[in-house]
Amino acid sequence: MKRLKYALRTAAVLVAAAVCAGCANSAPEPEMPAETTIVSTDTAVTVSQDNTPEETTGTAAGYIPHSELLDCLYYDDSDFYVYNERSKVYDTDGAVLCGVAPHHLAAGHFIAGMYRTAAETRDDIETVVLIAPMHYDTLNPLCTSFKSRSTTFGIAETDTEITQMFVSGLGAAEDDYMTEFDHSASSHIPFIKYYLPDAKIACLLVSPKERADIPQRLSKLLYEISQKKSCLFAFSIDFSHYLEPPDANAHDKETNEAVLSGNTGLIETFTNSNVDTPYCLSTFVRLSALLGGKTISADNGNTFTVGSVPYSRSQFPEGVTSYFVFLSCAERT
């Protein structure tokens, strides 16, 4: 039945891809320059969204004005079809409890593979709890949103109960703009809706400026959530940055060993040479232990191997970025 549902959704994406194919070639996801600072919407700066049409979208519960939904800014129909076709179901020892996948869409098939594997191994997922790094400076080191998302595959509804736990339990700020704009979260939403169409979503953005004890506090809260609802905990993480391939491979080996051995102390000292968000990665490892999962390294690559592009400095002037898929699975009994 699941494979039939995937086939039907893939057919819908293929039709949309055919329409889009003549419009433009696929382009890399838009990103803000690294030096740009965004101030969150609870400060004096407000980002205009006047170009958002005031149309309505139907849901089972009624109609939601489009302006009340967050958009998936980095989605492209034709690219999504390729990600789906290139993805695979990873071998696991059981049901996927939590997982790590990239947010760079260059490795979109890795993202697809994580959610596809979760959907294949479980049929009880009520909510996907998405933990992602914050790439831009705000006054709030933790951001979330109560708004649902508009996707090609329908409305991805927000789990407001879990979102409220982020606010009351961690002091997260409600920041619709940052939650929508930062590609670390926004890039995952279409995959969630496609592979887990009935699941709600709760999203938390974590700044590297958050207090150093956030992995302990967040993993504890996520475990408490797991005792109340059947969730998939997804972590949006990219790994080594700005390195030549041999150096990237060496740092990836160190990272892989630290994750599989549960060495959170080492992980929390990592820099961009290993991972873009040590706090999120440490939270994943801590949560896996709390859930009693077995962590496996399901996939690995970097910006030139995932695209089959021969490496050259002119093609990758800032070096390469590495990607992993880590899965924490319940062992079969």
C-alpha atoms as a PDB file:
ATOM      1  CA  MET A   1       0.000   0.000   0.000  1.00  0.00           C
ATOM      2  CA  LYS A   2       2.804   2.419   0.895  1.00  0.00           C
ATOM      3  CA  ARG A   3       4.593   1.751  -2.397  1.00  0.00           C
ATOM      4  CA  LEU A   4       1.310   2.433  -4.237  1.00  0.00           C
ATOM      5  CA  LYS A   5       0.900   5.768  -2.443  1.00  0.00           C
ATOM      6  CA  TYR A   6       4.495   6.702  -3.332  1.00  0.00           C
ATOM      7  CA  ALA A   7       3.884   5.757  -6.952  1.00  0.00           C
ATOM      8  CA  LEU A   8       0.776   7.939  -7.140  1.00  0.00           C
ATOM      9  CA  ARG A   9       2.571  10.894  -5.581  1.00  0.00           C
ATOM     10  CA  THR A  10       5.553  10.394  -7.894  1.00  0.00           C
ATOM     11  CA  ALA A  11       3.210  10.465 -10.889  1.00  0.00           C
ATOM     12  CA  ALA A  12       1.819  13.788  -9.686  1.00  0.00           C
ATOM     13  CA  VAL A  13       5.325  15.193  -9.290  1.00  0.00           C
ATOM     14  CA  LEU A  14       6.300  13.965 -12.758  1.00  0.00           C
ATOM     15  CA  VAL A  15       3.361  15.819 -14.314  1.00  0.00           C
ATOM     16  CA  ALA A  16       4.370  18.990 -12.495  1.00  0.00           C
ATOM     17  CA  ALA A  17       7.991  18.462 -13.525  1.00  0.00           C
ATOM     18  CA  ALA A  18       7.015  18.251 -17.169  1.00  0.00           C
ATOM     19  CA  VAL A  19       5.265  21.607 -16.881  1.00  0.00           C
ATOM     20  CA  CYS A  20       8.285  23.188 -15.195  1.00  0.00           C
ATOM     21  CA  ALA A  21      10.918  21.662 -17.457  1.00  0.00           C
ATOM     22  CA  GLY A  22      10.580  24.227 -20.196  1.00  0.00           C
ATOM     23  CA  CYS A  23      10.673  27.199 -17.837  1.00  0.00           C
ATOM     24  CA  ALA A  24      14.205  27.093 -16.505  1.00  0.00           C
ATOM     25  CA  ASN A  25      17.073  24.827 -15.707  1.00  0.00           C
ATOM     26  CA  SER A  26      17.482  23.652 -12.135  1.00  0.00           C
ATOM     27  CA  ALA A  27      19.344  26.148 -10.019  1.00  0.00           C
ATOM     28  CA  PRO A  28      21.102  25.829  -6.664  1.00  0.00           C
ATOM     29  CA  GLU A  29      18.968  26.736  -3.666  1.00  0.00           C
ATOM     30  CA  PRO A  30      19.096  30.474  -2.978  1.00  0.00           C
ATOM     31  CA  GLU A  31      21.043  31.378   0.114  1.00  0.00           C
ATOM     32  CA  MET A  32      21.811  34.656   1.788  1.00  0.00           C
ATOM     33  CA  PRO A  33      25.440  35.790   1.784  1.00  0.00           C
ATOM     34  CA  ALA A  34      27.204  34.499   4.877  1.00  0.00           C
ATOM     35  CA  GLU A  35      27.882  37.986   6.168  1.00  0.00           C
ATOM     36  CA  THR A  36      24.220  39.045   6.062  1.00  0.00           C
ATOM     37  CA  THR A  37      22.519  39.519   9.409  1.00  0.00           C
ATOM     38  CA  ILE A  38      18.778  39.036   9.724  1.00  0.00           C
ATOM     39  CA  VAL A  39      16.969  40.508  12.691  1.00  0.00           C
ATOM     40  CA  SER A  40      13.963  38.491  13.733  1.00  0.00           C
ATOM     41  CA  THR A  41      10.422  39.755  13.302  1.00  0.00           C
ATOM     42  CA  ASP A  42       9.991  40.362  16.993  1.00  0.00           C
ATOM     43  CA  THR A  43      12.474  43.246  16.680  1.00  0.00           C
ATOM     44  CA  ALA A  44      12.157  46.620  14.963  1.00  0.00           C
ATOM     45  CA  VAL A  45      12.831  45.149  11.513  1.00  0.00           C
ATOM     46  CA  THR A  46       9.952  43.663   9.556  1.00  0.00           C
ATOM     47  CA  VAL A  47      10.447  41.921   6.221  1.00  0.00           C
ATOM     48  CA  SER A  48       7.752  42.751   3.697  1.00  0.00           C
ATOM     49  CA  GLN A  49       5.796  39.882   2.198  1.00  0.00           C
ATOM     50  CA  ASP A  50       3.429  42.015   0.101  1.00  0.00           C
ATOM     51  CA  ASN A  51       3.814  39.673  -2.832  1.00  0.00           C
ATOM     52  CA  THR A  52       2.015  36.893  -0.957  1.00  0.00           C
ATOM     53  CA  PRO A  53      -1.422  36.453  -2.594  1.00  0.00           C
ATOM     54  CA  GLU A  54      -4.397  36.531  -0.269  1.00  0.00           C
ATOM     55  CA  GLU A  55      -5.843  33.306  -1.596  1.00  0.00           C
ATOM     56  CA  THR A  56      -7.285  30.442   0.383  1.00  0.00           C
ATOM     57  CA  THR A  57      -6.276  26.818   0.559  1.00  0.00           C
ATOM     58  CA  GLY A  58      -8.599  24.022   1.624  1.00  0.00           C
ATOM     59  CA  THR A  59      -7.917  21.677   4.529  1.00  0.00           C
ATOM     60  CA  ALA A  60      -9.988  19.017   6.225  1.00  0.00           C
ATOM     61  CA  ALA A  61     -10.744  21.499   8.995  1.00  0.00           C
ATOM     62  CA  GLY A  62     -11.858  24.298   6.661  1.00  0.00           C
ATOM     63  CA  TYR A  63     -10.058  27.087   4.815  1.00  0.00           C
ATOM     64  CA  ILE A  64      -6.815  28.754   5.847  1.00  0.00           C
ATOM     65  CA  PRO A  65      -5.842  32.094   4.267  1.00  0.00           C
ATOM     66  CA  HIS A  66      -2.636  31.668   2.282  1.00  0.00           C
ATOM     67  CA  SER A  67      -1.079  34.529   4.235  1.00  0.00           C
ATOM     68  CA  GLU A  68      -1.476  32.408   7.373  1.00  0.00           C
ATOM     69  CA  LEU A  69       0.750  29.668   5.926  1.00  0.00           C
ATOM     70  CA  LEU A  70       4.512  29.518   5.622  1.00  0.00           C
ATOM     71  CA  ASP A  71       5.915  28.788   2.166  1.00  0.00           C
ATOM     72  CA  CYS A  72       8.526  26.200   1.169  1.00  0.00           C
ATOM     73  CA  LEU A  73      10.845  28.710  -0.486  1.00  0.00           C
ATOM     74  CA  TYR A  74      13.405  26.301  -1.931  1.00  0.00           C
ATOM     75  CA  TYR A  75      11.102  23.713  -3.465  1.00  0.00           C
ATOM     76  CA  ASP A  76      11.241  22.911  -7.186  1.00  0.00           C
ATOM     77  CA  ASP A  77       8.981  20.273  -8.762  1.00  0.00           C
ATOM     78  CA  SER A  78      11.458  19.026 -11.346  1.00  0.00           C
ATOM     79  CA  ASP A  79      14.299  18.761  -8.827  1.00  0.00           C
ATOM     80  CA  PHE A  80      12.068  16.982  -6.319  1.00  0.00           C
ATOM     81  CA  TYR A  81      11.277  14.291  -8.849  1.00  0.00           C
ATOM     82  CA  VAL A  82      15.018  13.651  -9.302  1.00  0.00           C
ATOM     83  CA  TYR A  83      15.565  13.468  -5.531  1.00  0.00           C
ATOM     84  CA  ASN A  84      12.772  10.925  -5.252  1.00  0.00           C
ATOM     85  CA  GLU A  85      14.107   8.809  -8.113  1.00  0.00           C
ATOM     86  CA  ARG A  86      17.669   8.820  -6.729  1.00  0.00           C
ATOM     87  CA  SER A  87      16.632   8.053  -3.146  1.00  0.00           C
ATOM     88  CA  LYS A  88      16.739   4.600  -1.632  1.00  0.00           C
ATOM     89  CA  VAL A  89      15.394   2.763   1.379  1.00  0.00           C
ATOM     90  CA  TYR A  90      18.327   2.235   3.728  1.00  0.00           C
ATOM     91  CA  ASP A  91      18.961  -1.082   5.453  1.00  0.00           C
ATOM     92  CA  THR A  92      18.076  -0.764   9.128  1.00  0.00           C
ATOM     93  CA  ASP A  93      17.819  -3.020  12.154  1.00  0.00           C
ATOM     94  CA  GLY A  94      14.264  -1.870  12.807  1.00  0.00           C
ATOM     95  CA  ALA A  95      11.981   1.142  12.928  1.00  0.00           C
ATOM     96  CA  VAL A  96      13.626   4.555  12.519  1.00  0.00           C
ATOM     97  CA  LEU A  97      13.295   6.543  15.752  1.00  0.00           C
ATOM     98  CA  CYS A  98      15.334   9.582  14.771  1.00  0.00           C
ATOM     99  CA  GLY A  99      17.632  10.546  11.947  1.00  0.00           C
ATOM    100  CA  VAL A 100      20.060  13.067  10.497  1.00  0.00           C
ATOM    101  CA  ALA A 101      19.955  14.299   6.889  1.00  0.00           C
ATOM    102  CA  PRO A 102      21.423  17.331   5.079  1.00  0.00           C
ATOM    103  CA  HIS A 103      19.650  20.583   4.294  1.00  0.00           C
ATOM    104  CA  HIS A 104      21.639  21.373   1.139  1.00  0.00           C
ATOM    105  CA  LEU A 105      19.425  20.303  -1.754  1.00  0.00           C
ATOM    106  CA  ALA A 106      22.504  19.219  -3.687  1.00  0.00           C
ATOM    107  CA  ALA A 107      22.054  16.109  -1.535  1.00  0.00           C
ATOM    108  CA  GLY A 108      18.261  16.102  -1.752  1.00  0.00           C
ATOM    109  CA  HIS A 109      18.198  12.357  -2.399  1.00  0.00           C
ATOM    110  CA  PHE A 110      19.758  11.873   1.055  1.00  0.00           C
ATOM    111  CA  ILE A 111      16.875  13.820   2.612  1.00  0.00           C
ATOM    112  CA  ALA A 112      14.391  11.794   0.577  1.00  0.00           C
ATOM    113  CA  GLY A 113      16.103   8.566   1.632  1.00  0.00           C
ATOM    114  CA  MET A 114      15.786   9.335   5.346  1.00  0.00           C
ATOM    115  CA  TYR A 115      12.062  10.096   5.213  1.00  0.00           C
ATOM    116  CA  ARG A 116      11.384   7.283   2.766  1.00  0.00           C
ATOM    117  CA  THR A 117      13.108   4.805   5.084  1.00  0.00           C
ATOM    118  CA  ALA A 118      11.193   6.116   8.103  1.00  0.00           C
ATOM    119  CA  ALA A 119       7.916   5.703   6.207  1.00  0.00           C
ATOM    120  CA  GLU A 120       8.849   2.164   5.152  1.00  0.00           C
ATOM    121  CA  THR A 121       9.768   1.072   8.682  1.00  0.00           C
ATOM    122  CA  ARG A 122       6.930   2.755  10.587  1.00  0.00           C
ATOM    123  CA  ASP A 123       3.216   3.380  10.174  1.00  0.00           C
ATOM    124  CA  ASP A 124       2.626   5.112  13.508  1.00  0.00           C
ATOM    125  CA  ILE A 125       4.268   8.528  13.028  1.00  0.00           C
ATOM    126  CA  GLU A 126       1.940  11.247  14.279  1.00  0.00           C
ATOM    127  CA  THR A 127       4.423  14.141  14.180  1.00  0.00           C
ATOM    128  CA  VAL A 128       7.818  14.831  12.658  1.00  0.00           C
ATOM    129  CA  VAL A 129       9.822  16.945  15.094  1.00  0.00           C
ATOM    130  CA  LEU A 130      12.369  18.822  12.992  1.00  0.00           C
ATOM    131  CA  ILE A 131      15.461  20.257  14.696  1.00  0.00           C
ATOM    132  CA  ALA A 132      17.555  22.516  12.470  1.00  0.00           C
ATOM    133  CA  PRO A 133      20.407  25.015  12.790  1.00  0.00           C
ATOM    134  CA  MET A 134      19.840  28.762  12.520  1.00  0.00           C
ATOM    135  CA  HIS A 135      22.135  30.252   9.880  1.00  0.00           C
ATOM    136  CA  TYR A 136      21.475  33.932  10.561  1.00  0.00           C
ATOM    137  CA  ASP A 137      21.822  36.155  13.617  1.00  0.00           C
ATOM    138  CA  THR A 138      18.657  36.973  15.550  1.00  0.00           C
ATOM    139  CA  LEU A 139      17.975  38.177  19.056  1.00  0.00           C
ATOM    140  CA  ASN A 140      16.476  34.770  19.816  1.00  0.00           C
ATOM    141  CA  PRO A 141      18.750  31.709  19.907  1.00  0.00           C
ATOM    142  CA  LEU A 142      15.744  29.378  19.600  1.00  0.00           C
ATOM    143  CA  CYS A 143      12.955  30.017  17.074  1.00  0.00           C
ATOM    144  CA  THR A 144       9.753  28.206  16.168  1.00  0.00           C
ATOM    145  CA  SER A 145       6.398  28.881  14.518  1.00  0.00           C
ATOM    146  CA  PHE A 146       2.797  27.887  15.110  1.00  0.00           C
ATOM    147  CA  LYS A 147       1.919  28.362  11.433  1.00  0.00           C
ATOM    148  CA  SER A 148       1.379  25.445   9.082  1.00  0.00           C
ATOM    149  CA  ARG A 149       3.161  25.158   5.718  1.00  0.00           C
ATOM    150  CA  SER A 150       1.923  25.303   2.164  1.00  0.00           C
ATOM    151  CA  THR A 151       3.404  22.555  -0.054  1.00  0.00           C
ATOM    152  CA  THR A 152       2.749  21.156  -3.526  1.00  0.00           C
ATOM    153  CA  PHE A 153       1.429  18.037  -1.809  1.00  0.00           C
ATOM    154  CA  GLY A 154      -1.015  19.857   0.474  1.00  0.00           C
ATOM    155  CA  ILE A 155      -0.852  21.671   3.784  1.00  0.00           C
ATOM    156  CA  ALA A 156       1.698  20.361   6.270  1.00  0.00           C
ATOM    157  CA  GLU A 157      -0.022  21.100   9.549  1.00  0.00           C
ATOM    158  CA  THR A 158       1.911  22.216  12.599  1.00  0.00           C
ATOM    159  CA  ASP A 159       1.690  20.289  15.850  1.00  0.00           C
ATOM    160  CA  THR A 160       0.838  23.235  18.081  1.00  0.00           C
ATOM    161  CA  GLU A 161       1.065  21.177  21.276  1.00  0.00           C
ATOM    162  CA  ILE A 162       4.725  20.289  20.712  1.00  0.00           C
ATOM    163  CA  THR A 163       5.462  23.789  19.414  1.00  0.00           C
ATOM    164  CA  GLN A 164       4.087  25.192  22.658  1.00  0.00           C
ATOM    165  CA  MET A 165       6.433  22.865  24.567  1.00  0.00           C
ATOM    166  CA  PHE A 166       9.353  24.483  22.709  1.00  0.00           C
ATOM    167  CA  VAL A 167       8.109  27.880  23.853  1.00  0.00           C
ATOM    168  CA  SER A 168       7.266  27.032  27.455  1.00  0.00           C
ATOM    169  CA  GLY A 169       9.936  24.383  28.039  1.00  0.00           C
ATOM    170  CA  LEU A 170      12.897  25.984  26.285  1.00  0.00           C
ATOM    171  CA  GLY A 171      11.966  29.650  25.940  1.00  0.00           C
ATOM    172  CA  ALA A 172      11.824  29.494  22.125  1.00  0.00           C
ATOM    173  CA  ALA A 173      10.552  32.627  20.377  1.00  0.00           C
ATOM    174  CA  GLU A 174       7.787  32.546  17.799  1.00  0.00           C
ATOM    175  CA  ASP A 175       9.440  33.801  14.607  1.00  0.00           C
ATOM    176  CA  ASP A 176       7.498  33.009  11.446  1.00  0.00           C
ATOM    177  CA  TYR A 177       9.892  34.730   9.079  1.00  0.00           C
ATOM    178  CA  MET A 178      13.049  32.984  10.255  1.00  0.00           C
ATOM    179  CA  THR A 179      11.345  29.595  10.392  1.00  0.00           C
ATOM    180  CA  GLU A 180      10.215  30.052   6.800  1.00  0.00           C
ATOM    181  CA  PHE A 181      13.343  31.681   5.391  1.00  0.00           C
ATOM    182  CA  ASP A 182      16.143  29.540   6.822  1.00  0.00           C
ATOM    183  CA  HIS A 183      16.719  26.724   4.340  1.00  0.00           C
ATOM    184  CA  SER A 184      17.785  24.331   7.105  1.00  0.00           C
ATOM    185  CA  ALA A 185      14.129  23.786   8.036  1.00  0.00           C
ATOM    186  CA  SER A 186      12.245  24.934   4.946  1.00  0.00           C
ATOM    187  CA  SER A 187      14.063  22.532   2.618  1.00  0.00           C
ATOM    188  CA  HIS A 188      12.820  19.488   4.565  1.00  0.00           C
ATOM    189  CA  ILE A 189       9.101  20.285   4.657  1.00  0.00           C
ATOM    190  CA  PRO A 190       8.101  19.019   1.156  1.00  0.00           C
ATOM    191  CA  PHE A 191       9.889  15.710   1.797  1.00  0.00           C
ATOM    192  CA  ILE A 192       7.995  15.243   5.064  1.00  0.00           C
ATOM    193  CA  LYS A 193       4.639  15.952   3.451  1.00  0.00           C
ATOM    194  CA  TYR A 194       5.392  13.674   0.507  1.00  0.00           C
ATOM    195  CA  TYR A 195       6.621  10.615   2.402  1.00  0.00           C
ATOM    196  CA  LEU A 196       4.576  11.074   5.601  1.00  0.00           C
ATOM    197  CA  PRO A 197       1.441  12.835   4.341  1.00  0.00           C
ATOM    198  CA  ASP A 198      -0.604  12.359   7.505  1.00  0.00           C
ATOM    199  CA  ALA A 199       2.062  13.519   9.956  1.00  0.00           C
ATOM    200  CA  LYS A 200       2.074  16.940  11.562  1.00  0.00           C
ATOM    201  CA  ILE A 201       5.287  18.940  11.928  1.00  0.00           C
ATOM    202  CA  ALA A 202       6.916  20.784  14.831  1.00  0.00           C
ATOM    203  CA  CYS A 203      10.038  22.775  13.986  1.00  0.00           C
ATOM    204  CA  LEU A 204      12.758  24.283  16.167  1.00  0.00           C
ATOM    205  CA  LEU A 205      15.697  26.355  14.920  1.00  0.00           C
ATOM    206  CA  VAL A 206      18.793  26.321  17.153  1.00  0.00           C
ATOM    207  CA  SER A 207      21.426  29.066  17.033  1.00  0.00           C
ATOM    208  CA  PRO A 208      25.122  28.319  17.659  1.00  0.00           C
ATOM    209  CA  LYS A 209      24.879  31.174  20.186  1.00  0.00           C
ATOM    210  CA  GLU A 210      22.500  29.182  22.377  1.00  0.00           C
ATOM    211  CA  ARG A 211      23.720  28.146  25.822  1.00  0.00           C
ATOM    212  CA  ALA A 212      26.134  25.209  25.844  1.00  0.00           C
ATOM    213  CA  ASP A 213      23.699  23.030  27.802  1.00  0.00           C
ATOM    214  CA  ILE A 214      21.104  23.024  25.011  1.00  0.00           C
ATOM    215  CA  PRO A 215      21.899  19.417  23.908  1.00  0.00           C
ATOM    216  CA  GLN A 216      21.075  18.159  27.407  1.00  0.00           C
ATOM    217  CA  ARG A 217      17.943  20.292  27.787  1.00  0.00           C
ATOM    218  CA  LEU A 218      16.648  19.658  24.295  1.00  0.00           C
ATOM    219  CA  SER A 219      17.274  15.894  24.248  1.00  0.00           C
ATOM    220  CA  LYS A 220      15.475  15.594  27.603  1.00  0.00           C
ATOM    221  CA  LEU A 221      12.465  17.512  26.289  1.00  0.00           C
ATOM    222  CA  LEU A 222      12.379  15.481  23.069  1.00  0.00           C
ATOM    223  CA  TYR A 223      12.438  12.274  25.096  1.00  0.00           C
ATOM    224  CA  GLU A 224       9.514  13.558  27.179  1.00  0.00           C
ATOM    225  CA  ILE A 225       7.656  14.283  23.959  1.00  0.00           C
ATOM    226  CA  SER A 226       8.339  10.731  22.742  1.00  0.00           C
ATOM    227  CA  GLN A 227       6.529   9.396  25.805  1.00  0.00           C
ATOM    228  CA  LYS A 228       3.375  11.319  24.861  1.00  0.00           C
ATOM    229  CA  LYS A 229       3.269  11.016  21.072  1.00  0.00           C
ATOM    230  CA  SER A 230       4.575   8.730  18.369  1.00  0.00           C
ATOM    231  CA  CYS A 231       7.162  10.958  16.698  1.00  0.00           C
ATOM    232  CA  LEU A 232       9.960  10.836  14.182  1.00  0.00           C
ATOM    233  CA  PHE A 233      12.760  13.154  15.338  1.00  0.00           C
ATOM    234  CA  ALA A 234      14.596  14.586  12.325  1.00  0.00           C
ATOM    235  CA  PHE A 235      17.811  16.603  12.497  1.00  0.00           C
ATOM    236  CA  SER A 236      18.771  18.823   9.554  1.00  0.00           C
ATOM    237  CA  ILE A 237      22.575  18.900   9.556  1.00  0.00           C
ATOM    238  CA  ASP A 238      25.407  19.442   7.069  1.00  0.00           C
ATOM    239  CA  PHE A 239      28.926  18.359   7.911  1.00  0.00           C
ATOM    240  CA  SER A 240      32.488  19.448   7.011  1.00  0.00           C
ATOM    241  CA  HIS A 241      32.701  22.801   5.229  1.00  0.00           C
ATOM    242  CA  TYR A 242      35.284  24.689   3.111  1.00  0.00           C
ATOM    243  CA  LEU A 243      37.865  21.880   2.896  1.00  0.00           C
ATOM    244  CA  GLU A 244      39.742  20.135   0.102  1.00  0.00           C
ATOM    245  CA  PRO A 245      38.410  16.568  -0.412  1.00  0.00           C
ATOM    246  CA  PRO A 246      41.272  14.756   1.438  1.00  0.00           C
ATOM    247  CA  ASP A 247      40.829  16.987   4.492  1.00  0.00           C
ATOM    248  CA  ALA A 248      37.054  16.667   4.325  1.00  0.00           C
ATOM    249  CA  ASN A 249      37.363  12.871   4.235  1.00  0.00           C
ATOM    250  CA  ALA A 250      39.621  12.882   7.314  1.00  0.00           C
ATOM    251  CA  HIS A 251      37.200  15.057   9.295  1.00  0.00           C
ATOM    252  CA  ASP A 252      34.249  12.964   8.133  1.00  0.00           C
ATOM    253  CA  LYS A 253      35.953   9.837   9.457  1.00  0.00           C
ATOM    254  CA  GLU A 254      36.436  11.540  12.836  1.00  0.00           C
ATOM    255  CA  THR A 255      32.804  12.682  12.887  1.00  0.00           C
ATOM    256  CA  ASN A 256      31.471   9.266  11.933  1.00  0.00           C
ATOM    257  CA  GLU A 257      33.430   7.594  14.712  1.00  0.00           C
ATOM    258  CA  ALA A 258      32.287  10.157  17.286  1.00  0.00           C
ATOM    259  CA  VAL A 259      28.622   9.688  16.375  1.00  0.00           C
ATOM    260  CA  LEU A 260      28.716   5.893  16.327  1.00  0.00           C
ATOM    261  CA  SER A 261      30.599   5.778  19.637  1.00  0.00           C
ATOM    262  CA  GLY A 262      28.293   8.339  21.273  1.00  0.00           C
ATOM    263  CA  ASN A 263      31.132  10.750  22.072  1.00  0.00           C
ATOM    264  CA  THR A 264      29.041  13.872  22.708  1.00  0.00           C
ATOM    265  CA  GLY A 265      31.899  15.593  24.538  1.00  0.00           C
ATOM    266  CA  LEU A 266      34.028  15.513  21.391  1.00  0.00           C
ATOM    267  CA  ILE A 267      31.102  16.409  19.117  1.00  0.00           C
ATOM    268  CA  GLU A 268      30.394  19.561  21.121  1.00  0.00           C
ATOM    269  CA  THR A 269      33.944  20.803  20.457  1.00  0.00           C
ATOM    270  CA  PHE A 270      33.652  20.392  16.682  1.00  0.00           C
ATOM    271  CA  THR A 271      33.852  23.378  14.329  1.00  0.00           C
ATOM    272  CA  ASN A 272      32.748  23.845  10.720  1.00  0.00           C
ATOM    273  CA  SER A 273      35.575  21.526   9.721  1.00  0.00           C
ATOM    274  CA  ASN A 274      33.413  18.680  11.067  1.00  0.00           C
ATOM    275  CA  VAL A 275      29.806  19.835  11.310  1.00  0.00           C
ATOM    276  CA  ASP A 276      27.801  23.024  10.911  1.00  0.00           C
ATOM    277  CA  THR A 277      25.794  22.521  14.102  1.00  0.00           C
ATOM    278  CA  PRO A 278      27.510  20.557  16.896  1.00  0.00           C
ATOM    279  CA  TYR A 279      24.620  21.262  19.296  1.00  0.00           C
ATOM    280  CA  CYS A 280      22.085  19.613  16.998  1.00  0.00           C
ATOM    281  CA  LEU A 281      24.334  16.615  16.316  1.00  0.00           C
ATOM    282  CA  SER A 282      25.010  16.135  20.029  1.00  0.00           C
ATOM    283  CA  THR A 283      21.257  16.311  20.691  1.00  0.00           C
ATOM    284  CA  PHE A 284      20.673  13.562  18.133  1.00  0.00           C
ATOM    285  CA  VAL A 285      23.264  11.302  19.774  1.00  0.00           C
ATOM    286  CA  ARG A 286      21.896  11.981  23.264  1.00  0.00           C
ATOM    287  CA  LEU A 287      18.299  11.391  22.162  1.00  0.00           C
ATOM    288  CA  SER A 288      19.230   8.143  20.427  1.00  0.00           C
ATOM    289  CA  ALA A 289      20.670   6.870  23.711  1.00  0.00           C
ATOM    290  CA  LEU A 290      17.575   7.938  25.660  1.00  0.00           C
ATOM    291  CA  LEU A 291      15.308   6.174  23.151  1.00  0.00           C
ATOM    292  CA  GLY A 292      17.436   3.024  23.267  1.00  0.00           C
ATOM    293  CA  GLY A 293      18.142   3.173  19.553  1.00  0.00           C
ATOM    294  CA  LYS A 294      21.037   1.715  17.620  1.00  0.00           C
ATOM    295  CA  THR A 295      22.746   4.323  15.432  1.00  0.00           C
ATOM    296  CA  ILE A 296      23.919   3.432  11.944  1.00  0.00           C
ATOM    297  CA  SER A 297      25.759   5.469   9.328  1.00  0.00           C
ATOM    298  CA  ALA A 298      23.489   4.956   6.320  1.00  0.00           C
ATOM    299  CA  ASP A 299      25.030   7.269   3.705  1.00  0.00           C
ATOM    300  CA  ASN A 300      27.875   9.734   3.173  1.00  0.00           C
ATOM    301  CA  GLY A 301      29.128  12.009   0.393  1.00  0.00           C
ATOM    302  CA  ASN A 302      30.019  15.586  -0.447  1.00  0.00           C
ATOM    303  CA  THR A 303      29.119  18.290  -2.926  1.00  0.00           C
ATOM    304  CA  PHE A 304      31.069  16.813  -5.804  1.00  0.00           C
ATOM    305  CA  THR A 305      30.508  13.090  -5.188  1.00  0.00           C
ATOM    306  CA  VAL A 306      26.726  13.403  -4.792  1.00  0.00           C
ATOM    307  CA  GLY A 307      26.514  15.247  -8.091  1.00  0.00           C
ATOM    308  CA  SER A 308      29.129  13.141  -9.893  1.00  0.00           C
ATOM    309  CA  VAL A 309      31.037  16.315 -10.769  1.00  0.00           C
ATOM    310  CA  PRO A 310      34.838  15.993 -11.109  1.00  0.00           C
ATOM    311  CA  TYR A 311      36.465  18.073  -8.392  1.00  0.00           C
ATOM    312  CA  SER A 312      38.315  21.212  -9.364  1.00  0.00           C
ATOM    313  CA  ARG A 313      39.074  24.353  -7.434  1.00  0.00           C
ATOM    314  CA  SER A 314      37.288  26.439 -10.063  1.00  0.00           C
ATOM    315  CA  GLN A 315      34.129  24.373  -9.634  1.00  0.00           C
ATOM    316  CA  PHE A 316      34.362  24.465  -5.832  1.00  0.00           C
ATOM    317  CA  PRO A 317      36.297  27.640  -4.939  1.00  0.00           C
ATOM    318  CA  GLU A 318      35.352  27.377  -1.255  1.00  0.00           C
ATOM    319  CA  GLY A 319      36.049  23.671  -0.999  1.00  0.00           C
ATOM    320  CA  VAL A 320      33.395  21.005  -0.491  1.00  0.00           C
ATOM    321  CA  THR A 321      30.598  20.368   1.999  1.00  0.00           C
ATOM    322  CA  SER A 322      30.048  16.870   3.352  1.00  0.00           C
ATOM    323  CA  TYR A 323      26.765  15.079   3.984  1.00  0.00           C
ATOM    324  CA  PHE A 324      25.719  12.137   6.157  1.00  0.00           C
ATOM    325  CA  VAL A 325      22.567  10.190   6.819  1.00  0.00           C
ATOM    326  CA  PHE A 326      22.579   8.794  10.346  1.00  0.00           C
ATOM    327  CA  LEU A 327      19.649   6.686  11.532  1.00  0.00           C
ATOM    328  CA  SER A 328      18.813   5.601  15.069  1.00  0.00           C
ATOM    329  CA  CYS A 329      16.693   2.483  14.939  1.00  0.00           C
ATOM    330  CA  ALA A 330      14.773   0.328  17.378  1.00  0.00           C
ATOM    331  CA  GLU A 331      16.352  -3.099  17.337  1.00  0.00           C
ATOM    332  CA  ARG A 332      14.109  -5.914  16.189  1.00  0.00           C
ATOM    333  CA  THR A 333      12.941  -8.238  18.942  1.00  0.00           C
END
